[in-house]
N, C-alpha and C. Protein backbone atom coordinates (compact mmCIF):
# COMPACT_ATOMS: atom_id res chain seq x y z
N MET A 1 216.30 -13.34 34.41
CA MET A 1 216.62 -14.63 34.98
C MET A 1 217.62 -14.45 36.12
N ILE A 2 217.35 -15.15 37.20
CA ILE A 2 218.17 -14.98 38.40
C ILE A 2 219.61 -15.42 38.17
N SER A 3 219.85 -16.37 37.29
CA SER A 3 221.23 -16.83 37.07
C SER A 3 222.11 -15.70 36.53
N GLN A 4 221.52 -14.77 35.80
CA GLN A 4 222.27 -13.61 35.31
C GLN A 4 222.36 -12.52 36.39
N GLU A 5 221.26 -12.31 37.08
CA GLU A 5 221.22 -11.27 38.12
C GLU A 5 222.16 -11.60 39.28
N ILE A 6 222.20 -12.85 39.69
CA ILE A 6 223.03 -13.23 40.83
C ILE A 6 224.51 -13.06 40.50
N LYS A 7 224.87 -13.36 39.25
CA LYS A 7 226.27 -13.20 38.84
C LYS A 7 226.70 -11.74 38.96
N ALA A 8 225.86 -10.84 38.46
CA ALA A 8 226.17 -9.41 38.52
C ALA A 8 226.16 -8.89 39.96
N ALA A 9 225.20 -9.35 40.73
CA ALA A 9 225.02 -8.84 42.10
C ALA A 9 226.06 -9.37 43.09
N THR A 10 226.75 -10.44 42.71
CA THR A 10 227.77 -11.00 43.61
C THR A 10 229.18 -10.79 43.07
N LYS A 11 229.31 -10.04 42.01
CA LYS A 11 230.61 -9.86 41.36
C LYS A 11 231.69 -9.35 42.32
N GLU A 12 231.36 -8.35 43.11
CA GLU A 12 232.35 -7.77 44.02
C GLU A 12 232.79 -8.78 45.09
N ALA A 13 231.83 -9.47 45.71
CA ALA A 13 232.16 -10.46 46.73
C ALA A 13 232.96 -11.61 46.13
N HIS A 14 232.60 -12.00 44.92
CA HIS A 14 233.30 -13.07 44.22
C HIS A 14 234.75 -12.67 43.95
N GLN A 15 234.95 -11.47 43.46
CA GLN A 15 236.31 -11.02 43.16
C GLN A 15 237.16 -10.90 44.41
N LYS A 16 236.57 -10.47 45.50
CA LYS A 16 237.31 -10.36 46.76
C LYS A 16 237.76 -11.74 47.24
N LEU A 17 236.87 -12.72 47.18
CA LEU A 17 237.22 -14.07 47.57
C LEU A 17 238.28 -14.64 46.63
N GLU A 18 238.09 -14.43 45.35
CA GLU A 18 239.04 -14.94 44.35
C GLU A 18 240.45 -14.40 44.63
N LYS A 19 240.54 -13.14 44.98
CA LYS A 19 241.84 -12.54 45.30
C LYS A 19 242.47 -13.24 46.50
N THR A 20 241.69 -13.49 47.53
CA THR A 20 242.17 -14.18 48.73
C THR A 20 242.67 -15.58 48.38
N VAL A 21 241.89 -16.32 47.60
CA VAL A 21 242.26 -17.69 47.23
C VAL A 21 243.51 -17.70 46.36
N VAL A 22 243.56 -16.82 45.37
CA VAL A 22 244.71 -16.80 44.47
C VAL A 22 245.99 -16.46 45.23
N LEU A 23 245.91 -15.54 46.18
CA LEU A 23 247.09 -15.21 46.99
C LEU A 23 247.59 -16.44 47.74
N ARG A 24 246.67 -17.23 48.29
CA ARG A 24 247.06 -18.45 49.01
C ARG A 24 247.63 -19.49 48.04
N LEU A 25 247.04 -19.59 46.86
CA LEU A 25 247.54 -20.55 45.87
C LEU A 25 248.95 -20.17 45.43
N LYS A 26 249.21 -18.89 45.29
CA LYS A 26 250.54 -18.43 44.87
C LYS A 26 251.61 -18.71 45.91
N ASP A 27 251.21 -18.93 47.17
CA ASP A 27 252.16 -19.23 48.24
C ASP A 27 252.51 -20.71 48.33
N ILE A 28 251.87 -21.54 47.51
CA ILE A 28 252.12 -22.98 47.57
C ILE A 28 253.51 -23.29 47.03
N ARG A 29 254.27 -24.02 47.86
CA ARG A 29 255.62 -24.44 47.46
C ARG A 29 255.80 -25.95 47.54
N ASN A 30 254.87 -26.62 48.22
CA ASN A 30 254.99 -28.07 48.39
C ASN A 30 253.61 -28.64 48.69
N TYR A 31 253.55 -29.94 48.83
CA TYR A 31 252.27 -30.61 49.07
C TYR A 31 251.63 -30.19 50.39
N THR A 32 252.46 -29.91 51.38
CA THR A 32 251.93 -29.48 52.68
C THR A 32 251.21 -28.15 52.54
N ASP A 33 251.80 -27.22 51.81
CA ASP A 33 251.15 -25.91 51.57
C ASP A 33 249.82 -26.10 50.85
N TYR A 34 249.84 -26.96 49.84
CA TYR A 34 248.62 -27.21 49.06
C TYR A 34 247.54 -27.82 49.95
N ALA A 35 247.93 -28.78 50.79
CA ALA A 35 246.96 -29.41 51.70
C ALA A 35 246.36 -28.38 52.66
N GLU A 36 247.15 -27.40 53.10
CA GLU A 36 246.64 -26.36 54.00
C GLU A 36 245.56 -25.52 53.30
N VAL A 37 245.78 -25.20 52.03
CA VAL A 37 244.76 -24.46 51.27
C VAL A 37 243.49 -25.30 51.17
N LEU A 38 243.67 -26.57 50.85
CA LEU A 38 242.51 -27.45 50.71
C LEU A 38 241.75 -27.64 52.02
N LYS A 39 242.43 -27.53 53.15
CA LYS A 39 241.74 -27.63 54.44
C LYS A 39 240.68 -26.53 54.57
N CYS A 40 240.98 -25.35 54.07
CA CYS A 40 240.00 -24.26 54.11
C CYS A 40 238.80 -24.60 53.24
N PHE A 41 239.07 -25.11 52.04
CA PHE A 41 237.98 -25.53 51.16
C PHE A 41 237.16 -26.64 51.82
N TYR A 42 237.85 -27.63 52.37
CA TYR A 42 237.13 -28.77 52.95
C TYR A 42 236.26 -28.34 54.13
N ALA A 43 236.83 -27.57 55.04
CA ALA A 43 236.07 -27.15 56.22
C ALA A 43 234.81 -26.38 55.81
N TYR A 44 234.97 -25.46 54.87
CA TYR A 44 233.84 -24.62 54.49
C TYR A 44 232.82 -25.38 53.64
N PHE A 45 233.28 -26.08 52.62
CA PHE A 45 232.35 -26.80 51.76
C PHE A 45 231.58 -27.84 52.56
N ASN A 46 232.26 -28.54 53.45
CA ASN A 46 231.60 -29.55 54.26
C ASN A 46 230.53 -28.92 55.15
N ALA A 47 230.84 -27.78 55.75
CA ALA A 47 229.87 -27.08 56.60
C ALA A 47 228.67 -26.59 55.79
N ILE A 48 228.92 -26.06 54.60
CA ILE A 48 227.81 -25.61 53.74
C ILE A 48 226.96 -26.81 53.33
N GLU A 49 227.60 -27.89 52.94
CA GLU A 49 226.84 -29.08 52.53
C GLU A 49 225.93 -29.56 53.64
N ARG A 50 226.39 -29.54 54.86
CA ARG A 50 225.54 -29.95 55.99
C ARG A 50 224.38 -28.97 56.16
N ALA A 51 224.64 -27.68 55.99
CA ALA A 51 223.59 -26.68 56.17
C ALA A 51 222.50 -26.76 55.09
N ILE A 52 222.89 -27.10 53.88
CA ILE A 52 221.91 -27.13 52.78
C ILE A 52 221.23 -28.49 52.64
N ALA A 53 221.77 -29.51 53.29
CA ALA A 53 221.26 -30.88 53.12
C ALA A 53 219.74 -31.02 53.28
N PRO A 54 219.11 -30.35 54.25
CA PRO A 54 217.66 -30.53 54.37
C PRO A 54 216.85 -29.93 53.21
N TYR A 55 217.48 -29.05 52.42
CA TYR A 55 216.74 -28.32 51.39
C TYR A 55 217.11 -28.71 49.96
N ILE A 56 218.34 -29.12 49.74
CA ILE A 56 218.76 -29.52 48.40
C ILE A 56 218.54 -31.02 48.29
N ILE A 57 217.37 -31.35 47.82
CA ILE A 57 216.98 -32.75 47.71
C ILE A 57 216.77 -33.07 46.22
N THR A 58 216.68 -34.33 45.90
CA THR A 58 216.62 -34.71 44.48
C THR A 58 215.35 -34.22 43.77
N SER A 59 214.29 -33.95 44.50
CA SER A 59 213.11 -33.39 43.82
C SER A 59 213.38 -31.95 43.37
N LEU A 60 214.31 -31.27 44.01
CA LEU A 60 214.70 -29.92 43.60
C LEU A 60 215.83 -29.98 42.58
N LEU A 61 216.87 -30.73 42.87
CA LEU A 61 218.06 -30.83 42.02
C LEU A 61 218.34 -32.32 41.81
N PRO A 62 217.72 -32.91 40.77
CA PRO A 62 217.78 -34.36 40.58
C PRO A 62 219.18 -34.96 40.54
N ASP A 63 220.16 -34.23 40.03
CA ASP A 63 221.50 -34.80 39.92
C ASP A 63 222.41 -34.43 41.09
N TYR A 64 221.82 -33.94 42.18
CA TYR A 64 222.64 -33.53 43.32
C TYR A 64 223.57 -34.65 43.83
N PRO A 65 223.10 -35.90 43.92
CA PRO A 65 224.00 -36.96 44.40
C PRO A 65 225.23 -37.18 43.49
N GLN A 66 225.14 -36.79 42.23
CA GLN A 66 226.26 -36.96 41.31
C GLN A 66 227.20 -35.74 41.27
N ARG A 67 226.86 -34.71 42.02
CA ARG A 67 227.66 -33.49 41.97
C ARG A 67 228.89 -33.59 42.86
N ARG A 68 229.89 -32.84 42.50
CA ARG A 68 231.14 -32.79 43.27
C ARG A 68 230.84 -32.30 44.68
N ASN A 69 231.53 -32.87 45.66
CA ASN A 69 231.29 -32.47 47.04
C ASN A 69 232.59 -32.50 47.82
N SER A 70 232.51 -32.20 49.10
CA SER A 70 233.70 -32.06 49.92
C SER A 70 234.47 -33.38 50.09
N SER A 71 233.86 -34.51 49.80
CA SER A 71 234.60 -35.77 49.91
C SER A 71 235.78 -35.78 48.92
N TYR A 72 235.64 -35.10 47.79
CA TYR A 72 236.74 -34.99 46.83
C TYR A 72 237.91 -34.21 47.44
N ILE A 73 237.58 -33.18 48.18
CA ILE A 73 238.63 -32.37 48.81
C ILE A 73 239.37 -33.21 49.85
N LYS A 74 238.62 -33.96 50.62
CA LYS A 74 239.23 -34.83 51.63
C LYS A 74 240.17 -35.83 50.98
N GLN A 75 239.74 -36.43 49.88
CA GLN A 75 240.59 -37.38 49.15
C GLN A 75 241.88 -36.69 48.70
N ASP A 76 241.76 -35.46 48.22
CA ASP A 76 242.94 -34.73 47.75
C ASP A 76 243.89 -34.42 48.90
N ILE A 77 243.35 -34.02 50.03
CA ILE A 77 244.19 -33.71 51.20
C ILE A 77 244.98 -34.96 51.60
N ILE A 78 244.30 -36.09 51.64
CA ILE A 78 244.96 -37.35 52.02
C ILE A 78 245.99 -37.75 50.96
N ALA A 79 245.66 -37.57 49.67
CA ALA A 79 246.61 -37.89 48.59
C ALA A 79 247.88 -37.05 48.70
N LEU A 80 247.76 -35.86 49.28
CA LEU A 80 248.91 -34.97 49.44
C LEU A 80 249.69 -35.26 50.72
N GLY A 81 249.23 -36.24 51.49
CA GLY A 81 249.90 -36.60 52.73
C GLY A 81 249.40 -35.83 53.93
N GLY A 82 248.31 -35.12 53.76
CA GLY A 82 247.73 -34.34 54.85
C GLY A 82 246.63 -35.10 55.56
N SER A 83 245.98 -34.41 56.49
CA SER A 83 244.85 -35.00 57.19
C SER A 83 243.80 -33.92 57.39
N VAL A 84 242.62 -34.35 57.76
CA VAL A 84 241.54 -33.40 57.99
C VAL A 84 241.39 -33.10 59.48
N GLU A 85 242.49 -33.22 60.18
CA GLU A 85 242.54 -32.81 61.59
C GLU A 85 242.81 -31.31 61.63
N GLU A 86 242.50 -30.71 62.73
CA GLU A 86 242.80 -29.29 62.97
C GLU A 86 242.32 -28.40 61.82
N LEU A 87 241.05 -28.49 61.54
CA LEU A 87 240.43 -27.68 60.49
C LEU A 87 239.93 -26.36 61.08
N PRO A 88 239.80 -25.35 60.23
CA PRO A 88 239.13 -24.12 60.68
C PRO A 88 237.68 -24.45 61.06
N SER A 89 237.10 -23.61 61.90
CA SER A 89 235.69 -23.76 62.28
C SER A 89 234.90 -22.67 61.59
N PRO A 90 234.38 -22.96 60.41
CA PRO A 90 233.74 -21.91 59.63
C PRO A 90 232.36 -21.51 60.13
N LYS A 91 232.06 -20.26 59.93
CA LYS A 91 230.70 -19.76 60.11
C LYS A 91 230.05 -19.82 58.73
N VAL A 92 228.81 -20.25 58.67
CA VAL A 92 228.11 -20.34 57.39
C VAL A 92 226.85 -19.46 57.45
N PRO A 93 226.35 -19.07 56.29
CA PRO A 93 225.11 -18.29 56.27
C PRO A 93 223.95 -19.07 56.88
N HIS A 94 222.94 -18.35 57.35
CA HIS A 94 221.74 -18.99 57.86
C HIS A 94 220.95 -19.53 56.67
N ILE A 95 220.85 -20.84 56.60
CA ILE A 95 220.12 -21.50 55.52
C ILE A 95 218.80 -21.98 56.10
N HIS A 96 217.69 -21.50 55.53
CA HIS A 96 216.40 -21.82 56.12
C HIS A 96 215.33 -22.25 55.11
N ASP A 97 215.71 -22.31 53.84
CA ASP A 97 214.76 -22.76 52.83
C ASP A 97 215.51 -23.10 51.54
N GLU A 98 214.76 -23.52 50.52
CA GLU A 98 215.37 -23.90 49.24
C GLU A 98 216.14 -22.73 48.61
N VAL A 99 215.60 -21.55 48.70
CA VAL A 99 216.21 -20.38 48.05
C VAL A 99 217.56 -20.05 48.68
N THR A 100 217.63 -20.00 50.01
CA THR A 100 218.91 -19.70 50.64
C THR A 100 219.90 -20.85 50.42
N ALA A 101 219.41 -22.08 50.39
CA ALA A 101 220.28 -23.22 50.11
C ALA A 101 220.86 -23.11 48.70
N LEU A 102 220.03 -22.71 47.75
CA LEU A 102 220.53 -22.54 46.38
C LEU A 102 221.53 -21.38 46.29
N GLY A 103 221.33 -20.35 47.09
CA GLY A 103 222.28 -19.24 47.11
C GLY A 103 223.66 -19.68 47.56
N ALA A 104 223.71 -20.52 48.59
CA ALA A 104 224.99 -21.04 49.06
C ALA A 104 225.57 -22.02 48.05
N LEU A 105 224.73 -22.87 47.48
CA LEU A 105 225.20 -23.85 46.51
C LEU A 105 225.69 -23.17 45.23
N TYR A 106 225.14 -22.02 44.90
CA TYR A 106 225.61 -21.25 43.75
C TYR A 106 227.12 -20.99 43.86
N VAL A 107 227.57 -20.64 45.04
CA VAL A 107 229.00 -20.37 45.25
C VAL A 107 229.81 -21.64 45.11
N LEU A 108 229.35 -22.73 45.71
CA LEU A 108 230.08 -23.99 45.62
C LEU A 108 230.14 -24.51 44.20
N GLU A 109 229.01 -24.52 43.52
CA GLU A 109 228.97 -25.01 42.14
C GLU A 109 229.76 -24.07 41.21
N GLY A 110 229.68 -22.80 41.45
CA GLY A 110 230.41 -21.83 40.63
C GLY A 110 231.91 -22.00 40.73
N SER A 111 232.37 -22.49 41.88
CA SER A 111 233.81 -22.66 42.06
C SER A 111 234.38 -23.68 41.06
N ILE A 112 233.55 -24.52 40.53
CA ILE A 112 233.98 -25.51 39.56
C ILE A 112 234.50 -24.85 38.29
N MET A 113 233.91 -23.72 37.95
CA MET A 113 234.27 -23.06 36.70
C MET A 113 235.74 -22.62 36.69
N GLY A 114 236.27 -22.26 37.85
CA GLY A 114 237.67 -21.84 37.92
C GLY A 114 238.64 -22.98 38.18
N GLY A 115 238.13 -24.15 38.42
CA GLY A 115 238.96 -25.30 38.75
C GLY A 115 240.07 -25.60 37.76
N PRO A 116 239.78 -25.65 36.45
CA PRO A 116 240.85 -25.95 35.49
C PRO A 116 241.99 -24.94 35.53
N TYR A 117 241.68 -23.69 35.79
CA TYR A 117 242.72 -22.66 35.88
C TYR A 117 243.58 -22.89 37.13
N ILE A 118 242.93 -23.29 38.20
CA ILE A 118 243.66 -23.58 39.44
C ILE A 118 244.58 -24.77 39.24
N VAL A 119 244.11 -25.80 38.56
CA VAL A 119 244.95 -26.97 38.31
C VAL A 119 246.18 -26.56 37.51
N GLU A 120 245.99 -25.75 36.49
CA GLU A 120 247.14 -25.30 35.69
C GLU A 120 248.12 -24.49 36.54
N MET A 121 247.61 -23.62 37.39
CA MET A 121 248.46 -22.83 38.28
C MET A 121 249.26 -23.76 39.20
N LEU A 122 248.57 -24.74 39.77
CA LEU A 122 249.22 -25.66 40.70
C LEU A 122 250.30 -26.49 40.00
N LYS A 123 250.05 -26.88 38.77
CA LYS A 123 251.05 -27.64 38.01
C LYS A 123 252.31 -26.80 37.80
N LYS A 124 252.14 -25.51 37.59
CA LYS A 124 253.30 -24.62 37.43
C LYS A 124 254.12 -24.55 38.72
N TYR A 125 253.47 -24.80 39.85
CA TYR A 125 254.17 -24.80 41.14
C TYR A 125 254.70 -26.18 41.51
N GLY A 126 254.65 -27.11 40.55
CA GLY A 126 255.21 -28.43 40.77
C GLY A 126 254.25 -29.47 41.34
N MET A 127 253.00 -29.12 41.50
CA MET A 127 252.03 -30.09 42.02
C MET A 127 251.66 -31.04 40.89
N ASP A 128 251.55 -32.32 41.23
CA ASP A 128 251.18 -33.30 40.21
C ASP A 128 250.09 -34.26 40.70
N LYS A 129 249.48 -33.92 41.84
CA LYS A 129 248.39 -34.75 42.35
C LYS A 129 247.50 -33.89 43.25
N GLY A 130 246.37 -34.48 43.65
CA GLY A 130 245.43 -33.76 44.49
C GLY A 130 244.50 -32.86 43.70
N PHE A 131 244.12 -33.29 42.50
CA PHE A 131 243.31 -32.46 41.61
C PHE A 131 241.88 -32.94 41.43
N SER A 132 241.44 -33.96 42.15
CA SER A 132 240.10 -34.49 41.89
C SER A 132 239.02 -33.44 42.14
N PHE A 133 239.20 -32.62 43.15
CA PHE A 133 238.21 -31.59 43.46
C PHE A 133 238.21 -30.50 42.39
N PHE A 134 239.38 -29.93 42.11
CA PHE A 134 239.46 -28.83 41.15
C PHE A 134 239.20 -29.26 39.71
N SER A 135 239.23 -30.55 39.45
CA SER A 135 238.91 -31.03 38.10
C SER A 135 237.42 -30.98 37.82
N GLY A 136 236.62 -30.81 38.86
CA GLY A 136 235.18 -30.64 38.69
C GLY A 136 234.54 -31.79 37.96
N TYR A 137 233.80 -31.45 36.92
CA TYR A 137 233.07 -32.44 36.15
C TYR A 137 233.73 -32.74 34.81
N GLY A 138 234.95 -32.25 34.63
CA GLY A 138 235.66 -32.50 33.38
C GLY A 138 234.87 -31.97 32.20
N ALA A 139 234.70 -32.83 31.19
CA ALA A 139 234.00 -32.44 29.97
C ALA A 139 232.52 -32.11 30.22
N ASP A 140 231.98 -32.56 31.34
CA ASP A 140 230.57 -32.32 31.65
C ASP A 140 230.33 -31.02 32.44
N THR A 141 231.37 -30.25 32.67
CA THR A 141 231.24 -29.05 33.51
C THR A 141 230.17 -28.10 32.97
N GLY A 142 230.21 -27.79 31.70
CA GLY A 142 229.23 -26.87 31.12
C GLY A 142 227.81 -27.38 31.26
N ARG A 143 227.63 -28.67 31.01
CA ARG A 143 226.29 -29.26 31.11
C ARG A 143 225.79 -29.23 32.56
N MET A 144 226.67 -29.55 33.50
CA MET A 144 226.28 -29.56 34.91
C MET A 144 225.95 -28.14 35.39
N TRP A 145 226.73 -27.17 34.97
CA TRP A 145 226.44 -25.77 35.34
C TRP A 145 225.10 -25.36 34.74
N GLY A 146 224.87 -25.73 33.49
CA GLY A 146 223.61 -25.40 32.83
C GLY A 146 222.40 -25.99 33.54
N SER A 147 222.51 -27.23 33.97
CA SER A 147 221.37 -27.84 34.67
C SER A 147 221.16 -27.19 36.04
N PHE A 148 222.25 -26.76 36.68
CA PHE A 148 222.11 -26.07 37.96
C PHE A 148 221.43 -24.71 37.76
N THR A 149 221.88 -23.93 36.79
CA THR A 149 221.28 -22.60 36.59
C THR A 149 219.82 -22.72 36.13
N GLU A 150 219.51 -23.80 35.44
CA GLU A 150 218.11 -24.04 35.05
C GLU A 150 217.24 -24.19 36.30
N VAL A 151 217.73 -24.93 37.29
CA VAL A 151 217.00 -25.10 38.55
C VAL A 151 216.88 -23.74 39.27
N LEU A 152 217.95 -22.97 39.28
CA LEU A 152 217.88 -21.63 39.89
C LEU A 152 216.77 -20.81 39.25
N ASN A 153 216.79 -20.75 37.92
CA ASN A 153 215.83 -19.91 37.20
C ASN A 153 214.39 -20.39 37.37
N LYS A 154 214.21 -21.69 37.52
CA LYS A 154 212.86 -22.25 37.72
C LYS A 154 212.36 -22.01 39.14
N THR A 155 213.27 -22.07 40.10
CA THR A 155 212.90 -22.03 41.52
C THR A 155 212.71 -20.61 42.03
N VAL A 156 213.58 -19.73 41.63
CA VAL A 156 213.57 -18.36 42.17
C VAL A 156 212.79 -17.46 41.22
N GLN A 157 211.57 -17.11 41.64
CA GLN A 157 210.66 -16.37 40.78
C GLN A 157 210.23 -15.01 41.35
N GLN A 158 210.13 -14.93 42.65
CA GLN A 158 209.59 -13.72 43.29
C GLN A 158 210.71 -12.74 43.65
N PRO A 159 210.42 -11.43 43.65
CA PRO A 159 211.45 -10.44 44.00
C PRO A 159 212.10 -10.68 45.37
N GLU A 160 211.31 -11.10 46.36
CA GLU A 160 211.90 -11.35 47.68
C GLU A 160 212.82 -12.58 47.66
N GLU A 161 212.50 -13.55 46.81
CA GLU A 161 213.38 -14.71 46.65
C GLU A 161 214.69 -14.30 45.98
N GLU A 162 214.60 -13.41 45.01
CA GLU A 162 215.81 -12.91 44.34
C GLU A 162 216.72 -12.21 45.33
N LEU A 163 216.13 -11.37 46.17
CA LEU A 163 216.93 -10.67 47.20
C LEU A 163 217.56 -11.67 48.16
N SER A 164 216.82 -12.68 48.53
CA SER A 164 217.29 -13.69 49.48
C SER A 164 218.44 -14.51 48.91
N ILE A 165 218.30 -14.97 47.67
CA ILE A 165 219.36 -15.79 47.07
C ILE A 165 220.63 -14.98 46.87
N ILE A 166 220.48 -13.74 46.46
CA ILE A 166 221.65 -12.87 46.25
C ILE A 166 222.34 -12.57 47.57
N SER A 167 221.56 -12.28 48.59
CA SER A 167 222.12 -12.00 49.91
C SER A 167 222.88 -13.20 50.45
N THR A 168 222.29 -14.39 50.31
CA THR A 168 222.95 -15.60 50.80
C THR A 168 224.22 -15.90 50.01
N ALA A 169 224.18 -15.73 48.71
CA ALA A 169 225.39 -15.97 47.90
C ALA A 169 226.50 -14.99 48.29
N ASN A 170 226.17 -13.71 48.46
CA ASN A 170 227.17 -12.74 48.88
C ASN A 170 227.77 -13.10 50.24
N GLU A 171 226.91 -13.51 51.16
CA GLU A 171 227.40 -13.91 52.48
C GLU A 171 228.25 -15.17 52.40
N THR A 172 227.89 -16.09 51.52
CA THR A 172 228.66 -17.32 51.34
C THR A 172 230.06 -17.00 50.83
N PHE A 173 230.16 -16.12 49.86
CA PHE A 173 231.48 -15.68 49.37
C PHE A 173 232.29 -15.06 50.52
N SER A 174 231.67 -14.14 51.23
CA SER A 174 232.36 -13.40 52.28
C SER A 174 232.85 -14.32 53.41
N LEU A 175 231.98 -15.19 53.87
CA LEU A 175 232.35 -16.08 54.96
C LEU A 175 233.41 -17.10 54.55
N PHE A 176 233.44 -17.45 53.28
CA PHE A 176 234.49 -18.35 52.80
C PHE A 176 235.84 -17.64 52.89
N GLY A 177 235.88 -16.38 52.54
CA GLY A 177 237.12 -15.61 52.69
C GLY A 177 237.58 -15.57 54.14
N ASP A 178 236.62 -15.46 55.05
CA ASP A 178 236.95 -15.43 56.49
C ASP A 178 237.63 -16.72 56.94
N VAL A 179 237.28 -17.84 56.32
CA VAL A 179 237.89 -19.13 56.69
C VAL A 179 239.40 -19.07 56.43
N PHE A 180 239.79 -18.51 55.31
CA PHE A 180 241.22 -18.39 54.99
C PHE A 180 241.91 -17.48 56.00
N GLN A 181 241.27 -16.35 56.33
CA GLN A 181 241.86 -15.43 57.30
C GLN A 181 242.08 -16.12 58.64
N GLN A 182 241.05 -16.81 59.12
CA GLN A 182 241.11 -17.51 60.40
C GLN A 182 242.19 -18.59 60.38
N HIS A 183 242.20 -19.41 59.35
CA HIS A 183 243.13 -20.54 59.28
C HIS A 183 244.57 -20.06 59.25
N TYR A 184 244.86 -19.11 58.39
CA TYR A 184 246.25 -18.69 58.24
C TYR A 184 246.71 -17.81 59.41
N ALA A 185 245.79 -17.12 60.05
CA ALA A 185 246.15 -16.38 61.27
C ALA A 185 246.54 -17.38 62.36
N GLY A 186 245.81 -18.49 62.43
CA GLY A 186 246.11 -19.53 63.42
C GLY A 186 247.46 -20.19 63.14
N LEU A 187 247.78 -20.39 61.88
CA LEU A 187 249.07 -21.00 61.53
C LEU A 187 250.25 -20.08 61.86
N SER A 188 250.05 -18.79 61.63
CA SER A 188 251.16 -17.86 61.90
C SER A 188 251.35 -17.64 63.41
N ASN A 189 250.30 -17.91 64.19
CA ASN A 189 250.42 -17.78 65.66
C ASN A 189 250.91 -19.07 66.31
N ALA A 190 250.97 -20.15 65.53
CA ALA A 190 251.36 -21.45 66.09
C ALA A 190 252.86 -21.54 66.32
């Protein structure tokens, strides 16, 4: 099943991105710092959502309209007193069909699984708001992940599709890390 294969095949890229994100989260000292981290999430997730929009439709993923999206990140940025001005300009993978769209969405949906840990980390740093995005689906997280992986396993059947989804997911992880590098390099040069 591709849901198991993709996890194993993207482990290295996932861990590299996770390290980048955790380092930025550990630097949070106030709401402004937190909003800056969220700007990276917002810029990238919003760009991915636009790229996959023609392919992730309700006939493929019936509950897609109910899934967490970048609007939650925007709400959190505003709740923290920030704005969505001066965002990074992310590069996204080339999305050209359902399989590559699912590969990119795998990364976005998978990020929900770590959300509760991020909320706990942020609370330790004194944050008490801006958690709607990282809260994911709450008690429904497992069910929502299960329905997503069911669609993956049903849709991706051929060996070339498996290679394509894995390649896109790896690139999605990698390019997301680049957003943090670009954004924080720009801040340090400002």
